[in-house]
Amino acid sequence: MDSPYRPGFGTRPPFLAGREDLLNRQLAILSQVANSGLAAPFVTIYVGPRGVGKTTLLREIARRAADQTKLIPVWIGFDGHSDNVKGLAEALAQTITPLKSKARSLAYNFKKQLAQLSVEVSVPGLKVNSQGAEQPKDTLIPRRALTEILRSAAALTSKRKDSNGLLLVIDELQAAPMADLDIILNAVADLYRDDPEPPIAVVAAGLANTAETVAQATSFSERSDFQRVGRLGTDDSIQALLEPSLALGVMWEEPGVQKILERANGFPYLIQSLANEAWLLANPSPGSAIAAKTVDLAVEKVTATLEDGMFRSRYLSISNGEKALVEAIAQVSDSLGVATTREITALLKTTTPALSRTRESLISKGLIEAVGTGKLRFTIPGFGEYVLERTQFTDAE
């Protein structure tokens, strides 16, 4: 039988555990948009480290929104190299223009504003040629054009009998250059100030420092609703592990279950990776059970893969100053991987303010996360052990 597990960043697991509350809350907001014909009361931004399932959550929201609320989702992932303003306009054009509508004036305005952003699109029903168009230097021009594009897109979707408006889905929000965020977030802010408001909702996801990044771009962050996406609790971890295999009639020996729960420590990516590797090694049939010794071997294989790949690249990517803090966290972490600022500063013989910039840099790189006041841990379980094995520590005294 094929493995029912799907390791990988951004891939939907067979059983989406521990996110139902977030999904139900967001669907209630989207239903409000669909029923009222007005914009969502705020932009929802999901924050958390890589590997906890933010992208998966966004994809599930988009899927359910299309099915249950008839909002048309438009998806874009930001990055630090592309023109994200044009990328967003192109994503809107590719989704919206194939939808036939009798609202000719809205469609004309949509096409006009695309041309103003120098976006060239050729899809059935629309051809925009911006050859020779000069890229505007004033950020107000693309901001206003993007506002009009979003407004027209939302209005065009609401004019259709089979849709109720627009859902804009943005992944990796923090990755866009500040100049792009300034234009995009302020265009959304302008849209929300419209009277009447267009039928649109915006959901996004980013790393833990996204709130600070958004605040630098626009004061509109005050109208953003930040929702933390964290690791799974024990019950949800058990469901994520057992539900896919039980559906195929395959069980797990209890010690193996405990081994995966302990090693993954609630991290969704690791649950999927460990379970998938154990499945591939066991090649089970209905009615069988995956042995604990198979899980032990799977843990060894997954750990080696992480050490040769993700862990190594992360460790090599940090500066000497960052490395000192990383090594200190690894040394003083408890059995759950949590380190207190008090113990870190004592080991390094420094102060919390002196470490603040390094701390924020490691958070922005996705290596560590805050898990309460004065507490830090590595975003992916096992990284601390990797650091310890490669570092010679001396007494703090």
Protein backbone atom coordinates (compact mmCIF):
# COMPACT_ATOMS: atom_id res chain seq x y z
CA MET A 1 0.00 0.00 0.00
CA ASP A 2 1.12 3.53 -0.65
CA SER A 3 2.06 5.63 2.38
CA PRO A 4 -0.82 7.84 3.54
CA TYR A 5 1.64 10.38 4.98
CA ARG A 6 2.79 13.47 3.13
CA PRO A 7 6.01 14.97 4.48
CA GLY A 8 7.03 18.29 3.03
CA PHE A 9 6.53 21.98 3.60
CA GLY A 10 3.20 23.25 2.30
CA THR A 11 1.76 19.82 1.47
CA ARG A 12 -1.58 18.90 2.99
CA PRO A 13 -1.42 15.92 5.35
CA PRO A 14 -4.10 13.22 5.00
CA PHE A 15 -5.58 14.27 8.33
CA LEU A 16 -5.36 17.96 9.24
CA ALA A 17 -5.17 17.74 13.02
CA GLY A 18 -5.38 20.57 15.51
CA ARG A 19 -6.46 23.36 13.16
CA GLU A 20 -10.24 23.02 13.18
CA ASP A 21 -10.76 25.95 15.56
CA LEU A 22 -8.72 28.25 13.33
CA LEU A 23 -10.55 26.99 10.24
CA ASN A 24 -14.01 27.39 11.75
CA ARG A 25 -13.20 30.90 12.93
CA GLN A 26 -11.96 31.94 9.49
CA LEU A 27 -14.89 30.35 7.68
CA ALA A 28 -17.27 32.30 9.91
CA ILE A 29 -15.52 35.53 8.88
CA LEU A 30 -15.65 34.58 5.20
CA SER A 31 -19.34 33.69 5.47
CA GLN A 32 -19.94 37.18 6.82
CA VAL A 33 -18.29 38.64 3.71
CA ALA A 34 -20.31 36.40 1.40
CA ASN A 35 -23.62 37.19 3.10
CA SER A 36 -23.13 40.93 3.62
CA GLY A 37 -21.33 41.84 0.40
CA LEU A 38 -18.88 43.88 2.49
CA ALA A 39 -15.17 43.50 3.26
CA ALA A 40 -13.99 41.32 6.13
CA PRO A 41 -13.63 43.30 9.38
CA PHE A 42 -9.86 42.77 9.37
CA VAL A 43 -6.98 41.09 7.57
CA THR A 44 -6.14 37.76 9.21
CA ILE A 45 -2.42 36.94 9.38
CA TYR A 46 -1.28 33.53 10.60
CA VAL A 47 2.20 33.56 12.13
CA GLY A 48 4.56 30.81 13.21
CA PRO A 49 7.80 29.03 12.26
CA ARG A 50 8.27 27.02 9.11
CA GLY A 51 6.93 23.50 9.24
CA VAL A 52 3.94 24.05 11.54
CA GLY A 53 1.46 24.05 8.67
CA LYS A 54 0.71 27.70 7.84
CA THR A 55 0.73 27.12 4.09
CA THR A 56 -1.40 24.01 4.51
CA LEU A 57 -3.83 26.04 6.60
CA LEU A 58 -4.06 28.73 3.92
CA ARG A 59 -4.72 26.14 1.22
CA GLU A 60 -7.48 24.55 3.29
CA ILE A 61 -9.05 27.95 3.93
CA ALA A 62 -9.00 28.68 0.19
CA ARG A 63 -10.53 25.30 -0.62
CA ARG A 64 -13.31 25.59 1.95
CA ALA A 65 -13.99 29.21 1.04
CA ALA A 66 -14.58 28.26 -2.60
CA ASP A 67 -16.83 25.35 -1.61
CA GLN A 68 -18.76 26.80 1.31
CA THR A 69 -18.87 30.59 0.85
CA LYS A 70 -18.46 30.95 -2.93
CA LEU A 71 -15.62 33.43 -2.52
CA ILE A 72 -13.12 33.12 -5.36
CA PRO A 73 -9.60 32.59 -3.99
CA VAL A 74 -6.56 34.24 -5.54
CA TRP A 75 -3.26 32.82 -4.27
CA ILE A 76 0.20 34.36 -4.27
CA GLY A 77 3.42 33.59 -2.42
CA PHE A 78 5.75 36.54 -1.83
CA ASP A 79 9.54 36.40 -2.17
CA GLY A 80 12.49 38.73 -1.85
CA HIS A 81 13.51 38.74 -5.53
CA SER A 82 10.39 39.27 -7.62
CA ASP A 83 8.24 42.34 -8.17
CA ASN A 84 5.49 41.26 -5.79
CA VAL A 85 3.20 44.14 -6.76
CA LYS A 86 3.14 42.99 -10.37
CA GLY A 87 2.98 39.40 -9.23
CA LEU A 88 -0.17 40.10 -7.24
CA ALA A 89 -1.76 41.95 -10.16
CA GLU A 90 -0.92 39.07 -12.50
CA ALA A 91 -2.36 36.51 -10.08
CA LEU A 92 -5.57 38.52 -9.93
CA ALA A 93 -5.69 38.83 -13.72
CA GLN A 94 -5.11 35.12 -14.29
CA THR A 95 -7.93 34.22 -11.91
CA ILE A 96 -10.47 36.94 -12.62
CA THR A 97 -10.36 37.52 -16.37
CA PRO A 98 -11.52 34.04 -17.47
CA LEU A 99 -14.69 34.64 -15.47
CA LYS A 100 -17.28 36.02 -17.84
CA SER A 101 -19.20 39.00 -16.56
CA LYS A 102 -21.69 41.48 -17.98
CA ALA A 103 -20.10 44.30 -15.94
CA ARG A 104 -18.24 45.81 -18.89
CA SER A 105 -17.28 49.03 -17.13
CA LEU A 106 -15.70 47.12 -14.27
CA ALA A 107 -13.82 44.89 -16.69
CA TYR A 108 -12.57 47.93 -18.60
CA ASN A 109 -11.32 49.57 -15.42
CA PHE A 110 -9.63 46.33 -14.38
CA LYS A 111 -7.77 46.17 -17.72
CA LYS A 112 -6.86 49.86 -17.57
CA GLN A 113 -5.26 49.59 -14.14
CA LEU A 114 -3.33 46.45 -15.12
CA ALA A 115 -1.80 48.39 -17.98
CA GLN A 116 -0.87 51.21 -15.59
CA LEU A 117 1.18 48.72 -13.55
CA SER A 118 2.88 47.55 -16.76
CA VAL A 119 1.37 44.10 -16.32
CA GLU A 120 1.20 42.14 -19.56
CA VAL A 121 -1.46 39.45 -19.53
CA SER A 122 -2.91 37.35 -22.30
CA VAL A 123 -5.72 35.03 -21.22
CA PRO A 124 -9.05 34.17 -22.78
CA GLY A 125 -11.17 37.29 -22.60
CA LEU A 126 -8.34 39.71 -21.83
CA LYS A 127 -5.16 40.88 -23.49
CA VAL A 128 -3.14 43.64 -21.88
CA ASN A 129 -0.05 44.83 -23.71
CA SER A 130 2.05 47.32 -21.77
CA GLN A 131 5.02 47.56 -24.12
CA GLY A 132 6.64 50.94 -23.82
CA ALA A 133 4.90 51.72 -20.56
CA GLU A 134 7.23 53.45 -18.14
CA GLN A 135 7.38 52.08 -14.62
CA PRO A 136 6.16 54.85 -12.30
CA LYS A 137 8.66 56.06 -9.69
CA ASP A 138 6.02 57.52 -7.39
CA THR A 139 4.78 54.71 -5.11
CA LEU A 140 1.36 56.38 -4.93
CA ILE A 141 0.73 55.52 -8.59
CA PRO A 142 1.11 51.70 -8.27
CA ARG A 143 -0.62 51.87 -4.88
CA ARG A 144 -3.67 53.56 -6.40
CA ALA A 145 -3.60 51.27 -9.42
CA LEU A 146 -3.44 48.17 -7.21
CA THR A 147 -6.29 49.49 -5.08
CA GLU A 148 -8.43 49.87 -8.21
CA ILE A 149 -7.41 46.42 -9.45
CA LEU A 150 -8.46 44.84 -6.15
CA ARG A 151 -11.70 46.83 -6.06
CA SER A 152 -12.59 45.88 -9.64
CA ALA A 153 -11.69 42.24 -9.08
CA ALA A 154 -13.87 42.02 -5.99
CA ALA A 155 -16.74 43.74 -7.75
CA LEU A 156 -16.43 41.53 -10.84
CA THR A 157 -16.61 38.36 -8.75
CA SER A 158 -19.62 39.62 -6.81
CA LYS A 159 -21.53 40.24 -10.05
CA ARG A 160 -21.48 36.54 -10.88
CA LYS A 161 -24.37 34.31 -9.84
CA ASP A 162 -22.00 31.57 -8.70
CA SER A 163 -19.70 33.70 -6.53
CA ASN A 164 -19.95 36.20 -3.69
CA GLY A 165 -16.66 38.07 -3.79
CA LEU A 166 -12.91 37.75 -3.60
CA LEU A 167 -10.55 35.99 -1.19
CA LEU A 168 -6.94 37.14 -1.46
CA VAL A 169 -4.51 34.58 0.01
CA ILE A 170 -0.89 35.65 0.60
CA ASP A 171 1.83 33.24 1.74
CA GLU A 172 5.30 34.23 3.01
CA LEU A 173 4.11 37.76 3.71
CA GLN A 174 7.33 38.71 5.48
CA ALA A 175 9.51 37.73 2.50
CA ALA A 176 8.56 40.70 0.27
CA PRO A 177 10.88 43.73 0.20
CA MET A 178 9.66 46.62 2.33
CA ALA A 179 9.00 48.75 -0.78
CA ASP A 180 6.59 46.08 -2.09
CA LEU A 181 4.88 45.69 1.28
CA ASP A 182 4.46 49.45 1.52
CA ILE A 183 2.53 49.51 -1.77
CA ILE A 184 0.53 46.31 -1.27
CA LEU A 185 -0.52 46.76 2.36
CA ASN A 186 -1.40 50.42 1.87
CA ALA A 187 -3.43 49.52 -1.23
CA VAL A 188 -5.37 47.02 0.89
CA ALA A 189 -5.77 49.67 3.60
CA ASP A 190 -7.16 52.13 1.04
CA LEU A 191 -9.56 49.46 -0.14
CA TYR A 192 -10.86 48.92 3.39
CA ARG A 193 -11.54 52.63 3.73
CA ASP A 194 -13.91 52.58 0.75
CA ASP A 195 -17.58 53.35 1.19
CA PRO A 196 -19.18 51.03 0.34
CA GLU A 197 -16.55 48.42 1.06
CA PRO A 198 -15.99 45.82 -1.67
CA PRO A 199 -16.74 42.14 -0.95
CA ILE A 200 -13.18 41.03 -0.20
CA ALA A 201 -11.30 39.15 2.48
CA VAL A 202 -7.53 38.96 2.88
CA VAL A 203 -5.75 36.14 4.71
CA ALA A 204 -1.98 35.80 4.91
CA ALA A 205 0.77 33.85 6.62
CA GLY A 206 4.30 34.64 7.68
CA LEU A 207 7.04 33.92 10.16
CA ALA A 208 6.85 34.93 13.80
CA ASN A 209 8.30 38.40 13.14
CA THR A 210 5.65 39.26 10.54
CA ALA A 211 3.77 41.60 12.89
CA GLU A 212 6.84 43.80 13.24
CA THR A 213 7.46 43.70 9.48
CA VAL A 214 3.89 44.72 8.70
CA ALA A 215 4.01 47.52 11.27
CA GLN A 216 7.05 48.99 9.50
CA ALA A 217 5.17 49.06 6.20
CA THR A 218 1.86 50.54 7.33
CA SER A 219 -0.14 51.51 10.38
CA PHE A 220 -2.88 49.32 8.92
CA SER A 221 -1.37 46.50 10.97
CA GLU A 222 -3.62 47.80 13.74
CA ARG A 223 -6.55 46.43 11.72
CA SER A 224 -4.84 43.09 11.25
CA ASP A 225 -5.75 40.04 13.30
CA PHE A 226 -2.63 38.00 14.10
CA GLN A 227 -3.28 34.33 14.83
CA ARG A 228 -0.48 32.12 16.08
CA VAL A 229 -0.05 28.69 14.47
CA GLY A 230 2.03 26.53 16.76
CA ARG A 231 2.94 22.93 17.43
CA LEU A 232 0.29 20.31 18.01
CA GLY A 233 -0.73 19.12 21.47
CA THR A 234 -0.45 15.47 22.43
CA ASP A 235 -3.98 14.48 21.42
CA ASP A 236 -3.74 16.23 18.05
CA SER A 237 -0.31 14.68 17.43
CA ILE A 238 -1.73 11.23 18.10
CA GLN A 239 -4.57 11.89 15.66
CA ALA A 240 -2.17 13.14 12.98
CA LEU A 241 -0.13 9.96 13.38
CA LEU A 242 -2.81 7.31 13.78
CA GLU A 243 -5.83 8.44 11.75
CA PRO A 244 -4.24 7.97 8.27
CA SER A 245 -2.94 4.48 9.02
CA LEU A 246 -6.03 3.25 10.87
CA ALA A 247 -8.11 4.25 7.84
CA LEU A 248 -6.08 1.64 5.93
CA GLY A 249 -6.25 -0.97 8.67
CA VAL A 250 -2.65 -0.52 9.82
CA MET A 251 -1.78 -0.13 13.50
CA TRP A 252 1.36 0.91 15.42
CA GLU A 253 3.07 -0.74 18.36
CA GLU A 254 2.69 1.50 21.40
CA PRO A 255 6.43 2.08 22.02
CA GLY A 256 6.76 3.22 18.40
CA VAL A 257 3.93 5.72 18.83
CA GLN A 258 5.59 7.14 21.93
CA LYS A 259 8.93 7.35 20.14
CA ILE A 260 7.45 9.43 17.30
CA LEU A 261 5.55 11.68 19.70
CA GLU A 262 8.69 12.29 21.74
CA ARG A 263 10.91 12.94 18.73
CA ALA A 264 8.43 15.15 16.86
CA ASN A 265 7.44 17.16 19.97
CA GLY A 266 4.25 18.36 18.26
CA PHE A 267 5.99 19.55 15.08
CA PRO A 268 3.67 18.58 12.17
CA TYR A 269 6.44 18.26 9.58
CA LEU A 270 8.33 15.77 11.75
CA ILE A 271 5.23 13.69 12.49
CA GLN A 272 4.66 13.27 8.77
CA SER A 273 8.34 12.60 8.00
CA LEU A 274 8.82 10.02 10.75
CA ALA A 275 5.56 8.22 10.04
CA ASN A 276 6.23 8.16 6.30
CA GLU A 277 9.74 6.75 6.75
CA ALA A 278 8.49 4.06 9.13
CA TRP A 279 5.75 3.14 6.65
CA LEU A 280 8.23 2.84 3.79
CA LEU A 281 10.49 0.62 5.88
CA ALA A 282 7.65 -1.58 7.15
CA ASN A 283 5.67 -1.83 3.89
CA PRO A 284 2.63 -2.86 5.97
CA SER A 285 -0.51 -4.65 4.86
CA PRO A 286 -4.04 -4.29 6.28
CA GLY A 287 -4.28 -5.88 9.71
CA SER A 288 -0.57 -5.52 10.47
CA ALA A 289 1.21 -3.26 12.96
CA ILE A 290 4.33 -1.16 12.42
CA ALA A 291 6.93 -2.38 14.90
CA ALA A 292 8.72 -0.19 17.41
CA LYS A 293 12.11 -1.31 16.06
CA THR A 294 11.06 -0.07 12.62
CA VAL A 295 10.24 3.31 14.14
CA ASP A 296 13.69 3.39 15.76
CA LEU A 297 15.29 2.91 12.36
CA ALA A 298 13.00 5.55 10.83
CA VAL A 299 14.05 8.05 13.50
CA GLU A 300 17.70 7.38 12.68
CA LYS A 301 17.13 7.88 8.95
CA VAL A 302 15.07 11.07 9.31
CA THR A 303 17.55 12.51 11.81
CA ALA A 304 20.46 11.83 9.44
CA THR A 305 18.58 13.51 6.60
CA LEU A 306 17.89 16.59 8.73
CA GLU A 307 21.49 16.77 9.90
CA ASP A 308 22.90 16.52 6.38
CA GLY A 309 20.40 18.99 4.98
CA MET A 310 18.28 21.44 6.94
CA PHE A 311 20.27 21.49 10.18
CA ARG A 312 23.62 21.85 8.44
CA SER A 313 22.44 24.68 6.17
CA ARG A 314 20.86 26.56 9.07
CA TYR A 315 23.95 26.22 11.24
CA LEU A 316 26.27 27.38 8.46
CA SER A 317 24.05 30.36 7.58
CA ILE A 318 24.36 32.18 10.92
CA SER A 319 26.99 34.69 11.99
CA ASN A 320 29.45 34.15 14.82
CA GLY A 321 27.38 36.33 17.14
CA GLU A 322 24.22 34.38 16.26
CA LYS A 323 26.09 31.12 16.69
CA ALA A 324 27.05 32.04 20.25
CA LEU A 325 23.39 32.55 21.16
CA VAL A 326 22.33 29.38 19.34
CA GLU A 327 24.95 27.37 21.23
CA ALA A 328 23.88 28.87 24.54
CA ILE A 329 20.23 27.98 23.90
CA ALA A 330 21.27 24.44 23.03
CA GLN A 331 23.28 24.13 26.22
CA VAL A 332 20.67 25.35 28.71
CA SER A 333 17.49 23.94 27.10
CA ASP A 334 15.34 21.65 29.21
CA SER A 335 13.89 18.29 28.16
CA LEU A 336 11.23 20.07 26.07
CA GLY A 337 13.82 22.18 24.28
CA VAL A 338 12.93 25.41 26.12
CA ALA A 339 15.66 27.79 27.33
CA THR A 340 15.13 30.70 29.70
CA THR A 341 16.64 34.11 29.03
CA ARG A 342 18.00 34.14 32.57
CA GLU A 343 20.06 31.01 32.00
CA ILE A 344 21.17 32.16 28.55
CA THR A 345 22.43 35.54 29.76
CA ALA A 346 24.14 33.92 32.75
CA LEU A 347 25.99 31.52 30.48
CA LEU A 348 27.04 34.24 28.05
CA LYS A 349 27.72 36.75 30.85
CA THR A 350 25.64 39.41 29.14
CA THR A 351 22.25 41.13 29.43
CA THR A 352 18.91 40.66 27.74
CA PRO A 353 19.02 44.06 25.96
CA ALA A 354 22.47 43.25 24.61
CA LEU A 355 21.10 40.07 23.01
CA SER A 356 17.91 41.59 21.62
CA ARG A 357 19.18 42.31 18.10
CA THR A 358 20.74 38.86 17.73
CA ARG A 359 17.59 37.28 19.12
CA GLU A 360 15.39 39.12 16.61
CA SER A 361 17.71 38.18 13.75
CA LEU A 362 17.44 34.48 14.61
CA ILE A 363 13.66 34.77 14.90
CA SER A 364 13.46 36.47 11.49
CA LYS A 365 15.55 33.66 10.00
CA GLY A 366 13.14 31.11 11.45
CA LEU A 367 15.69 29.38 13.70
CA ILE A 368 14.22 30.19 17.11
CA GLU A 369 10.87 31.26 18.52
CA ALA A 370 9.58 32.80 21.72
CA VAL A 371 7.38 30.44 23.72
CA GLY A 372 6.45 32.73 26.58
CA THR A 373 7.98 35.59 28.48
CA GLY A 374 11.71 35.06 28.80
CA LYS A 375 11.62 31.67 27.04
CA LEU A 376 13.07 30.57 23.70
CA ARG A 377 13.36 27.34 21.77
CA PHE A 378 14.51 26.15 18.37
CA THR A 379 11.71 26.08 15.82
CA ILE A 380 12.36 22.48 14.79
CA PRO A 381 12.96 19.75 17.37
CA GLY A 382 16.37 18.10 17.22
CA PHE A 383 18.35 21.15 16.13
CA GLY A 384 19.63 21.71 19.67
CA GLU A 385 21.06 18.20 19.81
CA TYR A 386 22.72 18.80 16.44
CA VAL A 387 24.36 21.96 17.78
CA LEU A 388 25.52 20.25 20.97
CA GLU A 389 27.22 17.48 19.02
CA ARG A 390 29.27 20.00 17.05
CA THR A 391 30.21 22.44 19.77
CA GLN A 392 32.78 22.29 22.55
CA PHE A 393 31.33 24.11 25.54
CA THR A 394 33.22 25.42 28.53
CA ASP A 395 31.91 26.20 32.00
CA ALA A 396 30.11 29.51 32.32
CA GLU A 397 31.96 30.20 35.57
